[in-house]
Amino acid sequence: MDIKAKIEEVVSKVKSDGKLAQEFKDEPVKTVEKLVGVDLPDDAVSKIVDGVKAKISLDELGSAAGGVMDKVKGLFKK
């Protein structure tokens, strides 16, 4: 199984559905198991959960940083 592909799949689904995002926050392991659709060993599920959390955090950080950077750039344009 390609863990990286599963992480991307879960991230895409969680980010596009507010209900799934809340479910992931409340019960990440159960949500990942539901989205992947197969019973995985605990270590594989944990890797996917950790990867999804990291990816979502990085994406949110990038969005926030981009907004700040746009404001800073705007200060120097006249």
PDB file of N, CA and C in Angstrom:
ATOM      1  N   MET A   1       0.842  -1.172   0.000  1.00  0.00           N
ATOM      2  CA  MET A   1       0.000   0.000   0.000  1.00  0.00           C
ATOM      3  C   MET A   1       0.890   1.239   0.000  1.00  0.00           C
ATOM      4  N   ASP A   2       0.498   2.211  -0.771  1.00  0.00           N
ATOM      5  CA  ASP A   2       1.225   3.473  -0.861  1.00  0.00           C
ATOM      6  C   ASP A   2       0.671   4.432   0.190  1.00  0.00           C
ATOM      7  N   ILE A   3       1.375   4.540   1.314  1.00  0.00           N
ATOM      8  CA  ILE A   3       0.925   5.381   2.431  1.00  0.00           C
ATOM      9  C   ILE A   3       0.794   6.835   1.988  1.00  0.00           C
ATOM     10  N   LYS A   4       1.763   7.304   1.213  1.00  0.00           N
ATOM     11  CA  LYS A   4       1.738   8.705   0.771  1.00  0.00           C
ATOM     12  C   LYS A   4       0.478   8.986  -0.055  1.00  0.00           C
ATOM     13  N   ALA A   5       0.111   8.075  -0.931  1.00  0.00           N
ATOM     14  CA  ALA A   5      -1.096   8.249  -1.744  1.00  0.00           C
ATOM     15  C   ALA A   5      -2.342   8.263  -0.866  1.00  0.00           C
ATOM     16  N   LYS A   6      -2.369   7.392   0.141  1.00  0.00           N
ATOM     17  CA  LYS A   6      -3.525   7.362   1.052  1.00  0.00           C
ATOM     18  C   LYS A   6      -3.618   8.663   1.845  1.00  0.00           C
ATOM     19  N   ILE A   7      -2.463   9.204   2.263  1.00  0.00           N
ATOM     20  CA  ILE A   7      -2.463  10.474   2.986  1.00  0.00           C
ATOM     21  C   ILE A   7      -3.059  11.564   2.106  1.00  0.00           C
ATOM     22  N   GLU A   8      -2.604  11.647   0.862  1.00  0.00           N
ATOM     23  CA  GLU A   8      -3.118  12.664  -0.067  1.00  0.00           C
ATOM     24  C   GLU A   8      -4.612  12.498  -0.290  1.00  0.00           C
ATOM     25  N   GLU A   9      -5.062  11.259  -0.412  1.00  0.00           N
ATOM     26  CA  GLU A   9      -6.487  10.970  -0.614  1.00  0.00           C
ATOM     27  C   GLU A   9      -7.307  11.451   0.585  1.00  0.00           C
ATOM     28  N   VAL A  10      -6.849  11.120   1.781  1.00  0.00           N
ATOM     29  CA  VAL A  10      -7.574  11.502   2.987  1.00  0.00           C
ATOM     30  C   VAL A  10      -7.546  13.021   3.169  1.00  0.00           C
ATOM     31  N   VAL A  11      -6.404  13.649   2.943  1.00  0.00           N
ATOM     32  CA  VAL A  11      -6.299  15.105   3.061  1.00  0.00           C
ATOM     33  C   VAL A  11      -7.298  15.778   2.137  1.00  0.00           C
ATOM     34  N   SER A  12      -7.355  15.313   0.902  1.00  0.00           N
ATOM     35  CA  SER A  12      -8.274  15.891  -0.078  1.00  0.00           C
ATOM     36  C   SER A  12      -9.725  15.790   0.397  1.00  0.00           C
ATOM     37  N   LYS A  13     -10.092  14.640   0.893  1.00  0.00           N
ATOM     38  CA  LYS A  13     -11.464  14.434   1.351  1.00  0.00           C
ATOM     39  C   LYS A  13     -11.773  15.262   2.601  1.00  0.00           C
ATOM     40  N   VAL A  14     -10.839  15.295   3.539  1.00  0.00           N
ATOM     41  CA  VAL A  14     -11.062  16.027   4.793  1.00  0.00           C
ATOM     42  C   VAL A  14     -11.154  17.525   4.535  1.00  0.00           C
ATOM     43  N   LYS A  15     -10.297  18.040   3.646  1.00  0.00           N
ATOM     44  CA  LYS A  15     -10.296  19.474   3.380  1.00  0.00           C
ATOM     45  C   LYS A  15     -11.518  19.920   2.588  1.00  0.00           C
ATOM     46  N   SER A  16     -12.129  19.008   1.848  1.00  0.00           N
ATOM     47  CA  SER A  16     -13.271  19.384   1.016  1.00  0.00           C
ATOM     48  C   SER A  16     -14.620  19.178   1.702  1.00  0.00           C
ATOM     49  N   ASP A  17     -14.621  18.607   2.887  1.00  0.00           N
ATOM     50  CA  ASP A  17     -15.878  18.297   3.573  1.00  0.00           C
ATOM     51  C   ASP A  17     -15.764  18.695   5.045  1.00  0.00           C
ATOM     52  N   GLY A  18     -16.480  19.731   5.435  1.00  0.00           N
ATOM     53  CA  GLY A  18     -16.429  20.224   6.804  1.00  0.00           C
ATOM     54  C   GLY A  18     -16.814  19.184   7.843  1.00  0.00           C
ATOM     55  N   LYS A  19     -17.792  18.351   7.504  1.00  0.00           N
ATOM     56  CA  LYS A  19     -18.226  17.308   8.437  1.00  0.00           C
ATOM     57  C   LYS A  19     -17.104  16.298   8.660  1.00  0.00           C
ATOM     58  N   LEU A  20     -16.448  15.902   7.576  1.00  0.00           N
ATOM     59  CA  LEU A  20     -15.321  14.978   7.705  1.00  0.00           C
ATOM     60  C   LEU A  20     -14.172  15.612   8.470  1.00  0.00           C
ATOM     61  N   ALA A  21     -13.948  16.889   8.254  1.00  0.00           N
ATOM     62  CA  ALA A  21     -12.883  17.589   8.969  1.00  0.00           C
ATOM     63  C   ALA A  21     -13.135  17.535  10.472  1.00  0.00           C
ATOM     64  N   GLN A  22     -14.376  17.764  10.877  1.00  0.00           N
ATOM     65  CA  GLN A  22     -14.707  17.702  12.300  1.00  0.00           C
ATOM     66  C   GLN A  22     -14.561  16.280  12.828  1.00  0.00           C
ATOM     67  N   GLU A  23     -15.016  15.299  12.039  1.00  0.00           N
ATOM     68  CA  GLU A  23     -14.870  13.900  12.451  1.00  0.00           C
ATOM     69  C   GLU A  23     -13.396  13.555  12.626  1.00  0.00           C
ATOM     70  N   PHE A  24     -12.550  14.044  11.698  1.00  0.00           N
ATOM     71  CA  PHE A  24     -11.122  13.771  11.788  1.00  0.00           C
ATOM     72  C   PHE A  24     -10.527  14.398  13.042  1.00  0.00           C
ATOM     73  N   LYS A  25     -10.958  15.603  13.384  1.00  0.00           N
ATOM     74  CA  LYS A  25     -10.464  16.251  14.603  1.00  0.00           C
ATOM     75  C   LYS A  25     -10.884  15.474  15.845  1.00  0.00           C
ATOM     76  N   ASP A  26     -12.122  14.986  15.836  1.00  0.00           N
ATOM     77  CA  ASP A  26     -12.661  14.278  17.000  1.00  0.00           C
ATOM     78  C   ASP A  26     -12.117  12.854  17.125  1.00  0.00           C
ATOM     79  N   GLU A  27     -12.099  12.138  16.011  1.00  0.00           N
ATOM     80  CA  GLU A  27     -11.678  10.734  16.013  1.00  0.00           C
ATOM     81  C   GLU A  27     -10.864  10.428  14.753  1.00  0.00           C
ATOM     82  N   PRO A  28      -9.596  10.826  14.740  1.00  0.00           N
ATOM     83  CA  PRO A  28      -8.800  10.676  13.517  1.00  0.00           C
ATOM     84  C   PRO A  28      -8.634   9.232  13.044  1.00  0.00           C
ATOM     85  N   VAL A  29      -8.385   8.310  13.944  1.00  0.00           N
ATOM     86  CA  VAL A  29      -8.156   6.917  13.537  1.00  0.00           C
ATOM     87  C   VAL A  29      -9.424   6.337  12.910  1.00  0.00           C
ATOM     88  N   LYS A  30     -10.543   6.526  13.557  1.00  0.00           N
ATOM     89  CA  LYS A  30     -11.820   5.995  13.050  1.00  0.00           C
ATOM     90  C   LYS A  30     -12.156   6.617  11.689  1.00  0.00           C
ATOM     91  N   THR A  31     -11.911   7.913  11.550  1.00  0.00           N
ATOM     92  CA  THR A  31     -12.211   8.600  10.294  1.00  0.00           C
ATOM     93  C   THR A  31     -11.328   8.089   9.164  1.00  0.00           C
ATOM     94  N   VAL A  32     -10.040   7.922   9.438  1.00  0.00           N
ATOM     95  CA  VAL A  32      -9.129   7.410   8.407  1.00  0.00           C
ATOM     96  C   VAL A  32      -9.539   6.004   7.995  1.00  0.00           C
ATOM     97  N   GLU A  33      -9.848   5.165   8.955  1.00  0.00           N
ATOM     98  CA  GLU A  33     -10.272   3.798   8.619  1.00  0.00           C
ATOM     99  C   GLU A  33     -11.520   3.819   7.744  1.00  0.00           C
ATOM    100  N   LYS A  34     -12.450   4.717   8.055  1.00  0.00           N
ATOM    101  CA  LYS A  34     -13.682   4.831   7.266  1.00  0.00           C
ATOM    102  C   LYS A  34     -13.367   5.300   5.844  1.00  0.00           C
ATOM    103  N   LEU A  35     -12.497   6.301   5.717  1.00  0.00           N
ATOM    104  CA  LEU A  35     -12.188   6.859   4.397  1.00  0.00           C
ATOM    105  C   LEU A  35     -11.358   5.915   3.536  1.00  0.00           C
ATOM    106  N   VAL A  36     -10.445   5.193   4.156  1.00  0.00           N
ATOM    107  CA  VAL A  36      -9.590   4.278   3.403  1.00  0.00           C
ATOM    108  C   VAL A  36     -10.390   3.054   2.975  1.00  0.00           C
ATOM    109  N   GLY A  37     -11.326   2.642   3.809  1.00  0.00           N
ATOM    110  CA  GLY A  37     -12.226   1.555   3.433  1.00  0.00           C
ATOM    111  C   GLY A  37     -11.672   0.162   3.606  1.00  0.00           C
ATOM    112  N   VAL A  38     -10.510   0.032   4.208  1.00  0.00           N
ATOM    113  CA  VAL A  38      -9.958  -1.289   4.480  1.00  0.00           C
ATOM    114  C   VAL A  38      -9.442  -1.303   5.904  1.00  0.00           C
ATOM    115  N   ASP A  39      -9.414  -2.488   6.487  1.00  0.00           N
ATOM    116  CA  ASP A  39      -8.904  -2.623   7.839  1.00  0.00           C
ATOM    117  C   ASP A  39      -7.382  -2.686   7.759  1.00  0.00           C
ATOM    118  N   LEU A  40      -6.740  -1.710   8.345  1.00  0.00           N
ATOM    119  CA  LEU A  40      -5.287  -1.620   8.297  1.00  0.00           C
ATOM    120  C   LEU A  40      -4.696  -1.908   9.672  1.00  0.00           C
ATOM    121  N   PRO A  41      -3.454  -2.352   9.694  1.00  0.00           N
ATOM    122  CA  PRO A  41      -2.780  -2.497  10.981  1.00  0.00           C
ATOM    123  C   PRO A  41      -2.669  -1.130  11.667  1.00  0.00           C
ATOM    124  N   ASP A  42      -2.652  -1.130  12.982  1.00  0.00           N
ATOM    125  CA  ASP A  42      -2.623   0.119  13.747  1.00  0.00           C
ATOM    126  C   ASP A  42      -1.467   1.020  13.366  1.00  0.00           C
ATOM    127  N   ASP A  43      -0.291   0.434  13.092  1.00  0.00           N
ATOM    128  CA  ASP A  43       0.859   1.274  12.752  1.00  0.00           C
ATOM    129  C   ASP A  43       0.663   1.977  11.414  1.00  0.00           C
ATOM    130  N   ALA A  44       0.008   1.329  10.467  1.00  0.00           N
ATOM    131  CA  ALA A  44      -0.259   1.955   9.171  1.00  0.00           C
ATOM    132  C   ALA A  44      -1.274   3.083   9.327  1.00  0.00           C
ATOM    133  N   VAL A  45      -2.310   2.856  10.111  1.00  0.00           N
ATOM    134  CA  VAL A  45      -3.324   3.893  10.347  1.00  0.00           C
ATOM    135  C   VAL A  45      -2.679   5.079  11.055  1.00  0.00           C
ATOM    136  N   SER A  46      -1.832   4.807  12.030  1.00  0.00           N
ATOM    137  CA  SER A  46      -1.154   5.882  12.761  1.00  0.00           C
ATOM    138  C   SER A  46      -0.286   6.723  11.837  1.00  0.00           C
ATOM    139  N   LYS A  47       0.411   6.073  10.901  1.00  0.00           N
ATOM    140  CA  LYS A  47       1.245   6.803   9.942  1.00  0.00           C
ATOM    141  C   LYS A  47       0.387   7.703   9.050  1.00  0.00           C
ATOM    142  N   ILE A  48      -0.761   7.191   8.627  1.00  0.00           N
ATOM    143  CA  ILE A  48      -1.651   7.981   7.776  1.00  0.00           C
ATOM    144  C   ILE A  48      -2.214   9.159   8.577  1.00  0.00           C
ATOM    145  N   VAL A  49      -2.659   8.912   9.805  1.00  0.00           N
ATOM    146  CA  VAL A  49      -3.199   9.984  10.650  1.00  0.00           C
ATOM    147  C   VAL A  49      -2.143  11.064  10.853  1.00  0.00           C
ATOM    148  N   ASP A  50      -0.928  10.661  11.196  1.00  0.00           N
ATOM    149  CA  ASP A  50       0.147  11.634  11.416  1.00  0.00           C
ATOM    150  C   ASP A  50       0.453  12.414  10.148  1.00  0.00           C
ATOM    151  N   GLY A  51       0.466  11.716   9.018  1.00  0.00           N
ATOM    152  CA  GLY A  51       0.720  12.382   7.743  1.00  0.00           C
ATOM    153  C   GLY A  51      -0.360  13.375   7.372  1.00  0.00           C
ATOM    154  N   VAL A  52      -1.604  13.007   7.610  1.00  0.00           N
ATOM    155  CA  VAL A  52      -2.734  13.903   7.309  1.00  0.00           C
ATOM    156  C   VAL A  52      -2.657  15.143   8.197  1.00  0.00           C
ATOM    157  N   LYS A  53      -2.407  14.935   9.485  1.00  0.00           N
ATOM    158  CA  LYS A  53      -2.295  16.072  10.405  1.00  0.00           C
ATOM    159  C   LYS A  53      -1.174  17.012   9.967  1.00  0.00           C
ATOM    160  N   ALA A  54      -0.044  16.445   9.605  1.00  0.00           N
ATOM    161  CA  ALA A  54       1.099  17.265   9.181  1.00  0.00           C
ATOM    162  C   ALA A  54       0.786  18.016   7.901  1.00  0.00           C
ATOM    163  N   LYS A  55       0.183  17.344   6.947  1.00  0.00           N
ATOM    164  CA  LYS A  55      -0.137  17.966   5.660  1.00  0.00           C
ATOM    165  C   LYS A  55      -1.148  19.090   5.833  1.00  0.00           C
ATOM    166  N   ILE A  56      -2.176  18.864   6.619  1.00  0.00           N
ATOM    167  CA  ILE A  56      -3.185  19.897   6.842  1.00  0.00           C
ATOM    168  C   ILE A  56      -2.562  21.083   7.571  1.00  0.00           C
ATOM    169  N   SER A  57      -1.728  20.828   8.557  1.00  0.00           N
ATOM    170  CA  SER A  57      -1.061  21.908   9.289  1.00  0.00           C
ATOM    171  C   SER A  57      -0.165  22.718   8.378  1.00  0.00           C
ATOM    172  N   LEU A  58       0.602  22.048   7.520  1.00  0.00           N
ATOM    173  CA  LEU A  58       1.481  22.752   6.591  1.00  0.00           C
ATOM    174  C   LEU A  58       0.684  23.570   5.590  1.00  0.00           C
ATOM    175  N   ASP A  59      -0.415  23.016   5.102  1.00  0.00           N
ATOM    176  CA  ASP A  59      -1.254  23.746   4.149  1.00  0.00           C
ATOM    177  C   ASP A  59      -1.860  24.983   4.791  1.00  0.00           C
ATOM    178  N   GLU A  60      -2.344  24.835   6.029  1.00  0.00           N
ATOM    179  CA  GLU A  60      -2.920  25.979   6.728  1.00  0.00           C
ATOM    180  C   GLU A  60      -1.858  27.020   7.021  1.00  0.00           C
ATOM    181  N   LEU A  61      -0.672  26.579   7.402  1.00  0.00           N
ATOM    182  CA  LEU A  61       0.426  27.495   7.674  1.00  0.00           C
ATOM    183  C   LEU A  61       0.816  28.227   6.399  1.00  0.00           C
ATOM    184  N   GLY A  62       0.870  27.497   5.292  1.00  0.00           N
ATOM    185  CA  GLY A  62       1.202  28.118   4.015  1.00  0.00           C
ATOM    186  C   GLY A  62       0.179  29.154   3.606  1.00  0.00           C
ATOM    187  N   SER A  63      -1.086  28.868   3.824  1.00  0.00           N
ATOM    188  CA  SER A  63      -2.139  29.826   3.499  1.00  0.00           C
ATOM    189  C   SER A  63      -2.026  31.068   4.367  1.00  0.00           C
ATOM    190  N   ALA A  64      -1.796  30.857   5.639  1.00  0.00           N
ATOM    191  CA  ALA A  64      -1.663  31.991   6.554  1.00  0.00           C
ATOM    192  C   ALA A  64      -0.427  32.810   6.203  1.00  0.00           C
ATOM    193  N   ALA A  65       0.664  32.142   5.925  1.00  0.00           N
ATOM    194  CA  ALA A  65       1.905  32.846   5.578  1.00  0.00           C
ATOM    195  C   ALA A  65       1.733  33.603   4.269  1.00  0.00           C
ATOM    196  N   GLY A  66       1.027  33.008   3.320  1.00  0.00           N
ATOM    197  CA  GLY A  66       0.789  33.675   2.044  1.00  0.00           C
ATOM    198  C   GLY A  66       0.005  34.952   2.222  1.00  0.00           C
ATOM    199  N   GLY A  67      -0.977  34.931   3.080  1.00  0.00           N
ATOM    200  CA  GLY A  67      -1.774  36.121   3.342  1.00  0.00           C
ATOM    201  C   GLY A  67      -0.947  37.222   3.977  1.00  0.00           C
ATOM    202  N   VAL A  68      -0.100  36.853   4.902  1.00  0.00           N
ATOM    203  CA  VAL A  68       0.776  37.825   5.552  1.00  0.00           C
ATOM    204  C   VAL A  68       1.769  38.383   4.543  1.00  0.00           C
ATOM    205  N   MET A  69       2.324  37.491   3.730  1.00  0.00           N
ATOM    206  CA  MET A  69       3.303  37.940   2.731  1.00  0.00           C
ATOM    207  C   MET A  69       2.659  38.892   1.728  1.00  0.00           C
ATOM    208  N   ASP A  70       1.433  38.629   1.335  1.00  0.00           N
ATOM    209  CA  ASP A  70       0.737  39.522   0.406  1.00  0.00           C
ATOM    210  C   ASP A  70       0.558  40.904   1.023  1.00  0.00           C
ATOM    211  N   LYS A  71       0.233  40.962   2.302  1.00  0.00           N
ATOM    212  CA  LYS A  71       0.064  42.240   2.985  1.00  0.00           C
ATOM    213  C   LYS A  71       1.386  43.003   3.072  1.00  0.00           C
ATOM    214  N   VAL A  72       2.456  42.262   3.374  1.00  0.00           N
ATOM    215  CA  VAL A  72       3.780  42.898   3.473  1.00  0.00           C
ATOM    216  C   VAL A  72       4.188  43.440   2.103  1.00  0.00           C
ATOM    217  N   LYS A  73       3.986  42.652   1.070  1.00  0.00           N
ATOM    218  CA  LYS A  73       4.324  43.112  -0.286  1.00  0.00           C
ATOM    219  C   LYS A  73       3.519  44.352  -0.646  1.00  0.00           C
ATOM    220  N   GLY A  74       2.262  44.382  -0.214  1.00  0.00           N
ATOM    221  CA  GLY A  74       1.398  45.523  -0.508  1.00  0.00           C
ATOM    222  C   GLY A  74       1.883  46.806   0.123  1.00  0.00           C
ATOM    223  N   LEU A  75       2.578  46.704   1.233  1.00  0.00           N
ATOM    224  CA  LEU A  75       3.113  47.886   1.884  1.00  0.00           C
ATOM    225  C   LEU A  75       4.167  48.592   1.048  1.00  0.00           C
ATOM    226  N   PHE A  76       4.870  47.821   0.236  1.00  0.00           N
ATOM    227  CA  PHE A  76       5.974  48.369  -0.544  1.00  0.00           C
ATOM    228  C   PHE A  76       5.550  48.787  -1.956  1.00  0.00           C
ATOM    229  N   LYS A  77       4.318  48.514  -2.327  1.00  0.00           N
ATOM    230  CA  LYS A  77       3.828  48.922  -3.648  1.00  0.00           C
ATOM    231  C   LYS A  77       3.072  50.226  -3.537  1.00  0.00           C
ATOM    232  N   LYS A  78       3.307  51.112  -4.465  1.00  0.00           N
ATOM    233  CA  LYS A  78       2.577  52.378  -4.472  1.00  0.00           C
ATOM    234  C   LYS A  78       2.078  52.697  -5.836  1.00  0.00           C
TER     235      LYS A  78
END
